[in-house]
Amino acid sequence: MATPVINVVERTNLASQIYEHLREQLMSATFQPGQRLKIRDLAKTMGTSETPVREALIQLVRDRALEMKEGYFI
């Protein structure tokens, strides 16, 4: 029996969607410079678990859109 791959694909896709959403919010100045972004709060607002939000934030840090200092900052 084949291992279901759908869960991994869906999670990756969800992280990508959250990444795009957060990037758009950053570009439209929805967040204030220096504002701390909490994974738990973002996940609750987006109605998802913390894992895809964390993955999206990590990608934004890699893209240098956010700075990580004991949390995620703009």
N, C-alpha and C. Protein backbone atom coordinates (compact mmCIF):
# COMPACT_ATOMS: atom_id res chain seq x y z
N MET A 1 0.85 -1.18 0.00
CA MET A 1 0.00 0.00 0.00
C MET A 1 0.89 1.24 0.00
N ALA A 2 0.58 2.17 -0.86
CA ALA A 2 1.39 3.39 -0.99
C ALA A 2 1.13 4.34 0.18
N THR A 3 2.18 5.02 0.59
CA THR A 3 2.06 6.02 1.66
C THR A 3 1.39 7.26 1.10
N PRO A 4 0.37 7.80 1.78
CA PRO A 4 -0.28 9.00 1.26
C PRO A 4 0.67 10.19 1.28
N VAL A 5 0.77 10.86 0.15
CA VAL A 5 1.65 12.02 0.01
C VAL A 5 0.84 13.30 0.12
N ILE A 6 -0.46 13.19 0.09
CA ILE A 6 -1.34 14.36 0.08
C ILE A 6 -1.11 15.27 1.27
N ASN A 7 -0.94 14.72 2.45
CA ASN A 7 -0.76 15.56 3.64
C ASN A 7 0.46 16.46 3.52
N VAL A 8 1.56 15.93 3.02
CA VAL A 8 2.78 16.72 2.86
C VAL A 8 2.56 17.80 1.82
N VAL A 9 1.94 17.44 0.71
CA VAL A 9 1.69 18.41 -0.36
C VAL A 9 0.75 19.50 0.14
N GLU A 10 -0.31 19.13 0.82
CA GLU A 10 -1.25 20.12 1.32
C GLU A 10 -0.58 21.05 2.32
N ARG A 11 0.24 20.53 3.21
CA ARG A 11 0.90 21.36 4.21
C ARG A 11 1.86 22.33 3.52
N THR A 12 2.61 21.82 2.54
CA THR A 12 3.54 22.69 1.81
C THR A 12 2.77 23.76 1.07
N ASN A 13 1.68 23.38 0.45
CA ASN A 13 0.86 24.34 -0.27
C ASN A 13 0.29 25.38 0.68
N LEU A 14 -0.15 24.95 1.85
CA LEU A 14 -0.70 25.88 2.84
C LEU A 14 0.39 26.84 3.31
N ALA A 15 1.58 26.34 3.56
CA ALA A 15 2.69 27.21 3.96
C ALA A 15 2.98 28.23 2.86
N SER A 16 2.91 27.82 1.61
CA SER A 16 3.14 28.73 0.49
C SER A 16 2.05 29.80 0.42
N GLN A 17 0.81 29.39 0.66
CA GLN A 17 -0.29 30.35 0.66
C GLN A 17 -0.14 31.36 1.79
N ILE A 18 0.25 30.89 2.95
CA ILE A 18 0.46 31.78 4.09
C ILE A 18 1.63 32.71 3.81
N TYR A 19 2.69 32.17 3.22
CA TYR A 19 3.85 32.99 2.84
C TYR A 19 3.40 34.13 1.93
N GLU A 20 2.65 33.82 0.89
CA GLU A 20 2.18 34.85 -0.05
C GLU A 20 1.30 35.88 0.66
N HIS A 21 0.42 35.41 1.52
CA HIS A 21 -0.47 36.31 2.26
C HIS A 21 0.33 37.25 3.15
N LEU A 22 1.28 36.71 3.90
CA LEU A 22 2.10 37.54 4.79
C LEU A 22 2.98 38.50 3.99
N ARG A 23 3.50 38.04 2.87
CA ARG A 23 4.34 38.90 2.03
C ARG A 23 3.53 40.08 1.50
N GLU A 24 2.29 39.81 1.08
CA GLU A 24 1.41 40.89 0.62
C GLU A 24 1.14 41.87 1.75
N GLN A 25 0.92 41.36 2.96
CA GLN A 25 0.69 42.24 4.10
C GLN A 25 1.92 43.08 4.40
N LEU A 26 3.10 42.50 4.28
CA LEU A 26 4.33 43.25 4.49
C LEU A 26 4.47 44.35 3.44
N MET A 27 4.17 44.03 2.19
CA MET A 27 4.29 45.00 1.10
C MET A 27 3.28 46.13 1.23
N SER A 28 2.13 45.85 1.82
CA SER A 28 1.09 46.88 1.97
C SER A 28 1.18 47.59 3.32
N ALA A 29 2.25 47.33 4.06
CA ALA A 29 2.51 47.98 5.35
C ALA A 29 1.40 47.72 6.37
N THR A 30 0.83 46.52 6.34
CA THR A 30 -0.16 46.14 7.34
C THR A 30 0.48 46.04 8.72
N PHE A 31 1.74 45.61 8.74
CA PHE A 31 2.49 45.51 9.98
C PHE A 31 3.39 46.73 10.13
N GLN A 32 3.62 47.12 11.36
CA GLN A 32 4.50 48.26 11.65
C GLN A 32 5.95 47.79 11.72
N PRO A 33 6.90 48.65 11.29
CA PRO A 33 8.32 48.29 11.43
C PRO A 33 8.65 47.99 12.90
N GLY A 34 9.33 46.90 13.13
CA GLY A 34 9.69 46.50 14.49
C GLY A 34 8.62 45.72 15.22
N GLN A 35 7.45 45.57 14.60
CA GLN A 35 6.36 44.83 15.23
C GLN A 35 6.74 43.37 15.37
N ARG A 36 6.44 42.80 16.51
CA ARG A 36 6.72 41.38 16.74
C ARG A 36 5.55 40.55 16.22
N LEU A 37 5.87 39.54 15.45
CA LEU A 37 4.85 38.64 14.91
C LEU A 37 4.91 37.34 15.69
N LYS A 38 3.80 36.98 16.29
CA LYS A 38 3.74 35.75 17.08
C LYS A 38 3.07 34.65 16.26
N ILE A 39 3.76 33.53 16.17
CA ILE A 39 3.26 32.41 15.38
C ILE A 39 1.87 32.00 15.83
N ARG A 40 1.68 31.88 17.12
CA ARG A 40 0.39 31.43 17.66
C ARG A 40 -0.73 32.39 17.25
N ASP A 41 -0.48 33.69 17.36
CA ASP A 41 -1.50 34.68 17.01
C ASP A 41 -1.81 34.66 15.51
N LEU A 42 -0.77 34.57 14.69
CA LEU A 42 -0.99 34.51 13.24
C LEU A 42 -1.76 33.26 12.86
N ALA A 43 -1.41 32.13 13.45
CA ALA A 43 -2.10 30.87 13.15
C ALA A 43 -3.57 30.96 13.54
N LYS A 44 -3.84 31.54 14.69
CA LYS A 44 -5.23 31.68 15.14
C LYS A 44 -6.01 32.59 14.19
N THR A 45 -5.41 33.70 13.80
CA THR A 45 -6.05 34.63 12.88
C THR A 45 -6.35 33.98 11.53
N MET A 46 -5.42 33.14 11.07
CA MET A 46 -5.58 32.50 9.76
C MET A 46 -6.35 31.19 9.83
N GLY A 47 -6.68 30.75 11.03
CA GLY A 47 -7.46 29.53 11.19
C GLY A 47 -6.70 28.28 10.80
N THR A 48 -5.42 28.25 11.14
CA THR A 48 -4.59 27.10 10.80
C THR A 48 -3.70 26.73 11.98
N SER A 49 -2.94 25.68 11.82
CA SER A 49 -2.00 25.29 12.87
C SER A 49 -0.75 26.17 12.79
N GLU A 50 0.10 26.04 13.77
CA GLU A 50 1.31 26.87 13.82
C GLU A 50 2.38 26.43 12.82
N THR A 51 2.39 25.17 12.44
CA THR A 51 3.46 24.65 11.59
C THR A 51 3.57 25.37 10.24
N PRO A 52 2.49 25.50 9.45
CA PRO A 52 2.65 26.20 8.17
C PRO A 52 2.98 27.68 8.34
N VAL A 53 2.52 28.29 9.42
CA VAL A 53 2.85 29.69 9.69
C VAL A 53 4.34 29.80 9.98
N ARG A 54 4.86 28.90 10.79
CA ARG A 54 6.29 28.88 11.11
C ARG A 54 7.11 28.71 9.83
N GLU A 55 6.69 27.78 8.96
CA GLU A 55 7.40 27.55 7.71
C GLU A 55 7.39 28.80 6.83
N ALA A 56 6.26 29.48 6.77
CA ALA A 56 6.16 30.71 5.97
C ALA A 56 7.06 31.80 6.55
N LEU A 57 7.09 31.94 7.86
CA LEU A 57 7.93 32.95 8.49
C LEU A 57 9.41 32.65 8.28
N ILE A 58 9.77 31.39 8.34
CA ILE A 58 11.17 31.01 8.09
C ILE A 58 11.57 31.41 6.67
N GLN A 59 10.67 31.20 5.72
CA GLN A 59 10.97 31.59 4.34
C GLN A 59 11.09 33.11 4.22
N LEU A 60 10.25 33.85 4.92
CA LEU A 60 10.35 35.31 4.89
C LEU A 60 11.66 35.79 5.51
N VAL A 61 12.14 35.10 6.52
CA VAL A 61 13.45 35.43 7.10
C VAL A 61 14.54 35.14 6.08
N ARG A 62 14.44 34.01 5.39
CA ARG A 62 15.43 33.67 4.35
C ARG A 62 15.44 34.72 3.25
N ASP A 63 14.26 35.25 2.93
CA ASP A 63 14.13 36.27 1.89
C ASP A 63 14.51 37.66 2.39
N ARG A 64 14.86 37.73 3.67
CA ARG A 64 15.24 38.99 4.33
C ARG A 64 14.09 39.99 4.41
N ALA A 65 12.87 39.48 4.39
CA ALA A 65 11.71 40.34 4.56
C ALA A 65 11.41 40.53 6.05
N LEU A 66 11.86 39.58 6.86
CA LEU A 66 11.72 39.64 8.31
C LEU A 66 13.08 39.41 8.94
N GLU A 67 13.20 39.87 10.18
CA GLU A 67 14.40 39.63 10.95
C GLU A 67 14.00 38.82 12.18
N MET A 68 14.75 37.78 12.47
CA MET A 68 14.40 36.94 13.61
C MET A 68 15.28 37.31 14.80
N LYS A 69 14.63 37.72 15.88
CA LYS A 69 15.29 38.04 17.14
C LYS A 69 14.40 37.51 18.25
N GLU A 70 14.61 36.26 18.63
CA GLU A 70 13.76 35.62 19.64
C GLU A 70 12.29 35.81 19.29
N GLY A 71 11.98 35.64 18.05
CA GLY A 71 10.65 35.84 17.50
C GLY A 71 10.86 36.37 16.09
N TYR A 72 9.81 36.76 15.45
CA TYR A 72 9.92 37.27 14.08
C TYR A 72 9.56 38.74 14.09
N PHE A 73 10.41 39.55 13.50
CA PHE A 73 10.21 40.99 13.48
C PHE A 73 10.27 41.51 12.05
N ILE A 74 9.58 42.59 11.83
CA ILE A 74 9.62 43.27 10.53
C ILE A 74 10.80 44.22 10.53
